[in-house]
N, C-alpha and C. Protein backbone atom coordinates (compact mmCIF):
# COMPACT_ATOMS: atom_id res chain seq x y z
N MET A 1 5.19 42.25 -56.83
CA MET A 1 6.53 42.17 -56.28
C MET A 1 6.87 43.50 -55.60
N PHE A 2 7.62 43.38 -54.52
CA PHE A 2 7.94 44.54 -53.72
C PHE A 2 9.44 44.64 -53.49
N THR A 3 9.95 45.87 -53.42
CA THR A 3 11.36 46.09 -53.12
C THR A 3 11.58 45.94 -51.63
N ILE A 4 12.84 45.86 -51.25
CA ILE A 4 13.16 45.69 -49.84
C ILE A 4 12.66 46.87 -49.01
N GLY A 5 12.72 48.08 -49.56
CA GLY A 5 12.22 49.24 -48.84
C GLY A 5 10.72 49.18 -48.62
N GLN A 6 9.99 48.74 -49.64
CA GLN A 6 8.54 48.60 -49.52
C GLN A 6 8.19 47.54 -48.49
N VAL A 7 8.94 46.45 -48.52
CA VAL A 7 8.69 45.36 -47.57
C VAL A 7 8.96 45.83 -46.15
N ALA A 8 10.06 46.55 -45.96
CA ALA A 8 10.39 47.06 -44.63
C ALA A 8 9.25 47.91 -44.08
N LYS A 9 8.69 48.77 -44.90
CA LYS A 9 7.57 49.61 -44.46
C LYS A 9 6.34 48.77 -44.16
N LYS A 10 6.02 47.83 -45.04
CA LYS A 10 4.83 47.00 -44.85
C LYS A 10 4.92 46.18 -43.56
N VAL A 11 6.09 45.63 -43.30
CA VAL A 11 6.26 44.73 -42.17
C VAL A 11 6.54 45.49 -40.87
N GLY A 12 7.16 46.65 -41.00
CA GLY A 12 7.50 47.42 -39.81
C GLY A 12 8.84 47.05 -39.22
N ILE A 13 9.76 46.64 -40.07
CA ILE A 13 11.13 46.38 -39.65
C ILE A 13 12.06 47.13 -40.59
N ASN A 14 13.31 47.27 -40.20
CA ASN A 14 14.22 48.01 -41.07
C ASN A 14 14.88 47.10 -42.10
N ILE A 15 15.43 47.74 -43.11
CA ILE A 15 16.06 47.01 -44.22
C ILE A 15 17.20 46.15 -43.71
N GLY A 16 17.97 46.67 -42.76
CA GLY A 16 19.08 45.90 -42.20
C GLY A 16 18.62 44.60 -41.57
N ALA A 17 17.47 44.63 -40.92
CA ALA A 17 16.93 43.41 -40.30
C ALA A 17 16.58 42.38 -41.38
N ILE A 18 16.00 42.85 -42.46
CA ILE A 18 15.65 41.92 -43.55
C ILE A 18 16.91 41.27 -44.11
N ARG A 19 17.94 42.07 -44.34
CA ARG A 19 19.20 41.52 -44.85
C ARG A 19 19.83 40.56 -43.84
N PHE A 20 19.73 40.91 -42.55
CA PHE A 20 20.24 40.03 -41.49
C PHE A 20 19.52 38.68 -41.54
N TYR A 21 18.20 38.71 -41.64
CA TYR A 21 17.43 37.47 -41.70
C TYR A 21 17.81 36.65 -42.93
N GLU A 22 18.09 37.32 -44.04
CA GLU A 22 18.53 36.60 -45.23
C GLU A 22 19.88 35.92 -44.99
N ARG A 23 20.82 36.65 -44.38
CA ARG A 23 22.14 36.08 -44.10
C ARG A 23 22.05 34.89 -43.15
N LYS A 24 21.13 34.95 -42.21
CA LYS A 24 20.98 33.87 -41.22
C LYS A 24 20.19 32.69 -41.77
N GLY A 25 19.70 32.80 -42.99
CA GLY A 25 18.95 31.70 -43.59
C GLY A 25 17.50 31.63 -43.15
N LEU A 26 16.97 32.74 -42.64
CA LEU A 26 15.57 32.76 -42.21
C LEU A 26 14.63 33.14 -43.35
N LEU A 27 15.18 33.57 -44.44
CA LEU A 27 14.41 33.89 -45.65
C LEU A 27 14.99 33.09 -46.79
N ASP A 28 14.14 32.51 -47.59
CA ASP A 28 14.62 31.83 -48.78
C ASP A 28 15.17 32.88 -49.74
N THR A 29 16.02 32.46 -50.64
CA THR A 29 16.60 33.38 -51.61
C THR A 29 15.48 34.02 -52.43
N VAL A 30 15.52 35.34 -52.48
CA VAL A 30 14.50 36.07 -53.23
C VAL A 30 15.01 36.34 -54.64
N VAL A 31 14.07 36.55 -55.54
CA VAL A 31 14.44 36.85 -56.92
C VAL A 31 14.95 38.28 -57.00
N ARG A 32 15.73 38.53 -58.02
CA ARG A 32 16.24 39.88 -58.28
C ARG A 32 15.89 40.26 -59.70
N ASN A 33 15.68 41.57 -59.90
CA ASN A 33 15.37 42.04 -61.24
C ASN A 33 16.65 42.32 -62.03
N GLU A 34 16.51 42.91 -63.21
CA GLU A 34 17.66 43.17 -64.08
C GLU A 34 18.68 44.11 -63.43
N GLN A 35 18.22 44.96 -62.53
CA GLN A 35 19.12 45.88 -61.82
C GLN A 35 19.67 45.27 -60.53
N ASN A 36 19.44 43.98 -60.34
CA ASN A 36 19.90 43.24 -59.16
C ASN A 36 19.21 43.69 -57.87
N ILE A 37 18.02 44.24 -58.00
CA ILE A 37 17.24 44.66 -56.84
C ILE A 37 16.40 43.49 -56.37
N ARG A 38 16.43 43.23 -55.05
CA ARG A 38 15.63 42.15 -54.48
C ARG A 38 14.15 42.46 -54.69
N LEU A 39 13.40 41.42 -55.05
CA LEU A 39 11.96 41.55 -55.20
C LEU A 39 11.28 40.49 -54.35
N TYR A 40 10.36 40.92 -53.52
CA TYR A 40 9.68 40.05 -52.58
C TYR A 40 8.22 39.88 -52.98
N THR A 41 7.70 38.69 -52.70
CA THR A 41 6.29 38.40 -52.97
C THR A 41 5.50 38.51 -51.67
N ASP A 42 4.20 38.35 -51.79
CA ASP A 42 3.34 38.34 -50.60
C ASP A 42 3.74 37.21 -49.66
N TYR A 43 4.22 36.10 -50.21
CA TYR A 43 4.65 34.97 -49.38
C TYR A 43 5.78 35.41 -48.44
N GLU A 44 6.81 36.06 -48.99
CA GLU A 44 7.92 36.52 -48.15
C GLU A 44 7.46 37.57 -47.14
N ILE A 45 6.56 38.44 -47.56
CA ILE A 45 6.04 39.46 -46.65
C ILE A 45 5.31 38.80 -45.48
N ASN A 46 4.46 37.84 -45.78
CA ASN A 46 3.72 37.15 -44.72
C ASN A 46 4.67 36.40 -43.79
N TRP A 47 5.71 35.79 -44.36
CA TRP A 47 6.68 35.10 -43.52
C TRP A 47 7.40 36.10 -42.62
N LEU A 48 7.79 37.26 -43.16
CA LEU A 48 8.47 38.27 -42.35
C LEU A 48 7.58 38.81 -41.24
N ILE A 49 6.29 38.93 -41.51
CA ILE A 49 5.35 39.37 -40.47
C ILE A 49 5.33 38.34 -39.34
N PHE A 50 5.29 37.06 -39.70
CA PHE A 50 5.29 36.02 -38.67
C PHE A 50 6.64 35.96 -37.96
N LEU A 51 7.72 36.11 -38.70
CA LEU A 51 9.05 36.12 -38.11
C LEU A 51 9.15 37.26 -37.10
N LYS A 52 8.65 38.43 -37.46
CA LYS A 52 8.66 39.57 -36.54
C LYS A 52 7.86 39.24 -35.28
N CYS A 53 6.72 38.59 -35.45
CA CYS A 53 5.89 38.18 -34.31
C CYS A 53 6.68 37.24 -33.40
N LEU A 54 7.34 36.26 -33.98
CA LEU A 54 8.13 35.32 -33.17
C LEU A 54 9.23 36.05 -32.42
N ARG A 55 9.92 36.97 -33.07
CA ARG A 55 10.99 37.74 -32.40
C ARG A 55 10.42 38.56 -31.25
N GLU A 56 9.25 39.18 -31.49
CA GLU A 56 8.64 40.03 -30.46
C GLU A 56 8.17 39.22 -29.26
N THR A 57 7.92 37.93 -29.46
CA THR A 57 7.55 37.07 -28.33
C THR A 57 8.78 36.52 -27.63
N GLY A 58 9.96 36.87 -28.12
CA GLY A 58 11.19 36.47 -27.47
C GLY A 58 11.87 35.25 -28.05
N MET A 59 11.37 34.74 -29.17
CA MET A 59 12.01 33.57 -29.76
C MET A 59 13.35 33.99 -30.35
N SER A 60 14.36 33.19 -30.12
CA SER A 60 15.70 33.50 -30.61
C SER A 60 15.79 33.26 -32.12
N VAL A 61 16.80 33.88 -32.72
CA VAL A 61 17.05 33.69 -34.14
C VAL A 61 17.34 32.21 -34.43
N GLU A 62 18.05 31.57 -33.52
CA GLU A 62 18.38 30.15 -33.70
C GLU A 62 17.12 29.29 -33.69
N GLU A 63 16.20 29.58 -32.77
CA GLU A 63 14.95 28.82 -32.73
C GLU A 63 14.11 29.07 -33.99
N ILE A 64 14.10 30.31 -34.45
CA ILE A 64 13.35 30.62 -35.68
C ILE A 64 13.96 29.91 -36.86
N LYS A 65 15.28 29.83 -36.90
CA LYS A 65 15.97 29.10 -37.99
C LYS A 65 15.57 27.63 -37.95
N LYS A 66 15.53 27.07 -36.76
CA LYS A 66 15.11 25.67 -36.61
C LYS A 66 13.67 25.49 -37.12
N TYR A 67 12.80 26.40 -36.75
CA TYR A 67 11.41 26.36 -37.20
C TYR A 67 11.34 26.49 -38.72
N HIS A 68 12.06 27.44 -39.28
CA HIS A 68 12.07 27.67 -40.73
C HIS A 68 12.55 26.42 -41.46
N ASP A 69 13.59 25.79 -40.94
CA ASP A 69 14.09 24.56 -41.56
C ASP A 69 13.05 23.45 -41.51
N MET A 70 12.31 23.38 -40.41
CA MET A 70 11.25 22.37 -40.31
C MET A 70 10.14 22.64 -41.33
N VAL A 71 9.79 23.91 -41.52
CA VAL A 71 8.76 24.25 -42.51
C VAL A 71 9.22 23.79 -43.89
N LYS A 72 10.48 24.07 -44.22
CA LYS A 72 11.00 23.68 -45.52
C LYS A 72 11.06 22.17 -45.68
N ALA A 73 11.18 21.44 -44.58
CA ALA A 73 11.27 19.98 -44.63
C ALA A 73 9.92 19.33 -44.93
N GLY A 74 8.83 20.06 -44.74
CA GLY A 74 7.53 19.52 -45.10
C GLY A 74 6.66 19.12 -43.91
N THR A 75 5.54 18.49 -44.24
CA THR A 75 4.52 18.20 -43.25
C THR A 75 4.94 17.16 -42.22
N ALA A 76 5.97 16.40 -42.50
CA ALA A 76 6.43 15.42 -41.52
C ALA A 76 6.89 16.09 -40.23
N THR A 77 7.21 17.37 -40.30
CA THR A 77 7.69 18.10 -39.13
C THR A 77 6.57 18.83 -38.39
N LEU A 78 5.33 18.65 -38.81
CA LEU A 78 4.22 19.35 -38.16
C LEU A 78 4.17 19.14 -36.65
N PRO A 79 4.31 17.92 -36.15
CA PRO A 79 4.27 17.74 -34.69
C PRO A 79 5.35 18.55 -33.97
N ASP A 80 6.55 18.58 -34.53
CA ASP A 80 7.63 19.34 -33.91
C ASP A 80 7.36 20.85 -33.99
N ARG A 81 6.81 21.29 -35.11
CA ARG A 81 6.47 22.71 -35.25
C ARG A 81 5.38 23.11 -34.28
N ILE A 82 4.38 22.25 -34.14
CA ILE A 82 3.30 22.53 -33.19
C ILE A 82 3.87 22.66 -31.79
N GLN A 83 4.75 21.74 -31.42
CA GLN A 83 5.36 21.77 -30.10
C GLN A 83 6.17 23.06 -29.90
N LEU A 84 6.92 23.48 -30.90
CA LEU A 84 7.73 24.69 -30.79
C LEU A 84 6.86 25.93 -30.63
N ILE A 85 5.78 26.01 -31.42
CA ILE A 85 4.89 27.17 -31.34
C ILE A 85 4.10 27.15 -30.02
N GLN A 86 3.68 25.97 -29.57
CA GLN A 86 2.99 25.88 -28.29
C GLN A 86 3.90 26.33 -27.14
N LYS A 87 5.16 25.95 -27.21
CA LYS A 87 6.13 26.37 -26.19
C LYS A 87 6.26 27.89 -26.20
N GLN A 88 6.35 28.47 -27.38
CA GLN A 88 6.48 29.92 -27.46
C GLN A 88 5.20 30.62 -26.99
N LYS A 89 4.05 30.02 -27.29
CA LYS A 89 2.78 30.56 -26.82
C LYS A 89 2.75 30.56 -25.29
N GLN A 90 3.20 29.47 -24.67
CA GLN A 90 3.21 29.40 -23.22
C GLN A 90 4.17 30.43 -22.62
N THR A 91 5.31 30.61 -23.25
CA THR A 91 6.26 31.63 -22.81
C THR A 91 5.61 33.00 -22.83
N LEU A 92 4.88 33.28 -23.90
CA LEU A 92 4.19 34.57 -24.02
C LEU A 92 3.10 34.71 -22.96
N LEU A 93 2.33 33.66 -22.73
CA LEU A 93 1.30 33.71 -21.69
C LEU A 93 1.91 33.94 -20.31
N ASP A 94 3.04 33.29 -20.04
CA ASP A 94 3.74 33.50 -18.77
C ASP A 94 4.20 34.96 -18.64
N ASP A 95 4.71 35.51 -19.73
CA ASP A 95 5.14 36.91 -19.73
C ASP A 95 3.96 37.84 -19.47
N ILE A 96 2.83 37.54 -20.07
CA ILE A 96 1.63 38.36 -19.86
C ILE A 96 1.22 38.34 -18.40
N GLU A 97 1.23 37.16 -17.79
CA GLU A 97 0.87 37.05 -16.36
C GLU A 97 1.84 37.84 -15.50
N MET A 98 3.13 37.78 -15.83
CA MET A 98 4.11 38.54 -15.07
C MET A 98 3.86 40.04 -15.23
N LYS A 99 3.56 40.47 -16.43
CA LYS A 99 3.28 41.90 -16.68
C LYS A 99 2.01 42.33 -15.94
N LYS A 100 1.02 41.47 -15.88
CA LYS A 100 -0.20 41.80 -15.13
C LYS A 100 0.12 42.00 -13.65
N ALA A 101 0.95 41.14 -13.10
CA ALA A 101 1.34 41.26 -11.70
C ALA A 101 2.12 42.55 -11.47
N GLN A 102 2.99 42.90 -12.39
CA GLN A 102 3.74 44.15 -12.28
C GLN A 102 2.81 45.35 -12.34
N LEU A 103 1.80 45.26 -13.18
CA LEU A 103 0.82 46.34 -13.30
C LEU A 103 0.06 46.53 -11.99
N VAL A 104 -0.31 45.44 -11.35
CA VAL A 104 -0.99 45.52 -10.06
C VAL A 104 -0.12 46.24 -9.04
N HIS A 105 1.17 45.92 -9.00
CA HIS A 105 2.09 46.59 -8.08
C HIS A 105 2.14 48.09 -8.35
N LEU A 106 2.22 48.46 -9.61
CA LEU A 106 2.26 49.89 -9.95
C LEU A 106 0.96 50.59 -9.58
N GLU A 107 -0.16 49.92 -9.80
CA GLU A 107 -1.45 50.52 -9.44
C GLU A 107 -1.55 50.74 -7.94
N HIS A 108 -1.08 49.77 -7.16
CA HIS A 108 -1.10 49.92 -5.70
C HIS A 108 -0.22 51.08 -5.26
N LYS A 109 0.95 51.21 -5.87
CA LYS A 109 1.84 52.31 -5.53
C LYS A 109 1.17 53.64 -5.85
N LEU A 110 0.53 53.74 -7.00
CA LEU A 110 -0.16 54.98 -7.37
C LEU A 110 -1.29 55.30 -6.40
N GLU A 111 -2.02 54.28 -5.98
CA GLU A 111 -3.10 54.50 -5.01
C GLU A 111 -2.55 55.12 -3.73
N ARG A 112 -1.42 54.62 -3.27
CA ARG A 112 -0.79 55.19 -2.07
C ARG A 112 -0.39 56.65 -2.30
N TYR A 113 0.18 56.91 -3.44
CA TYR A 113 0.59 58.29 -3.73
C TYR A 113 -0.63 59.21 -3.83
N TYR A 114 -1.70 58.73 -4.43
CA TYR A 114 -2.91 59.54 -4.54
C TYR A 114 -3.51 59.84 -3.16
N ARG A 115 -3.29 58.93 -2.22
CA ARG A 115 -3.76 59.16 -0.84
C ARG A 115 -2.81 60.06 -0.06
N GLY A 116 -1.71 60.43 -0.66
CA GLY A 116 -0.76 61.31 0.00
C GLY A 116 0.33 60.60 0.78
N GLU A 117 0.37 59.28 0.66
CA GLU A 117 1.41 58.54 1.35
C GLU A 117 2.73 58.71 0.62
N ASN A 118 3.82 58.67 1.36
CA ASN A 118 5.13 58.96 0.77
C ASN A 118 5.96 57.72 0.48
N TYR A 119 5.37 56.56 0.50
CA TYR A 119 6.16 55.35 0.23
C TYR A 119 5.45 54.45 -0.74
């Protein structure tokens, strides 16, 4: 079991974000010890790592909540979950292609500057 501070370090997010995710219903209720300190298991840590991944790919909190609710609903929601993750994967691939195109533009600009051109 891990404290919220330990989890924040392991996952790479701040404590406030973890509490925010709890308030939004993106984390199931965690157990607390005798001192009322939240204790997290590897399951919650792994979920937070995936949640962080989804946020970093641009998925909204609302979409993640929808996904989390589907997970809790069981395997009957697998087709919908697959569709949601595939959509997010495509969004990420589109972003990567856009970033590649931007990189090409920057490289061309640098080539001009290296040749002494002023534009």
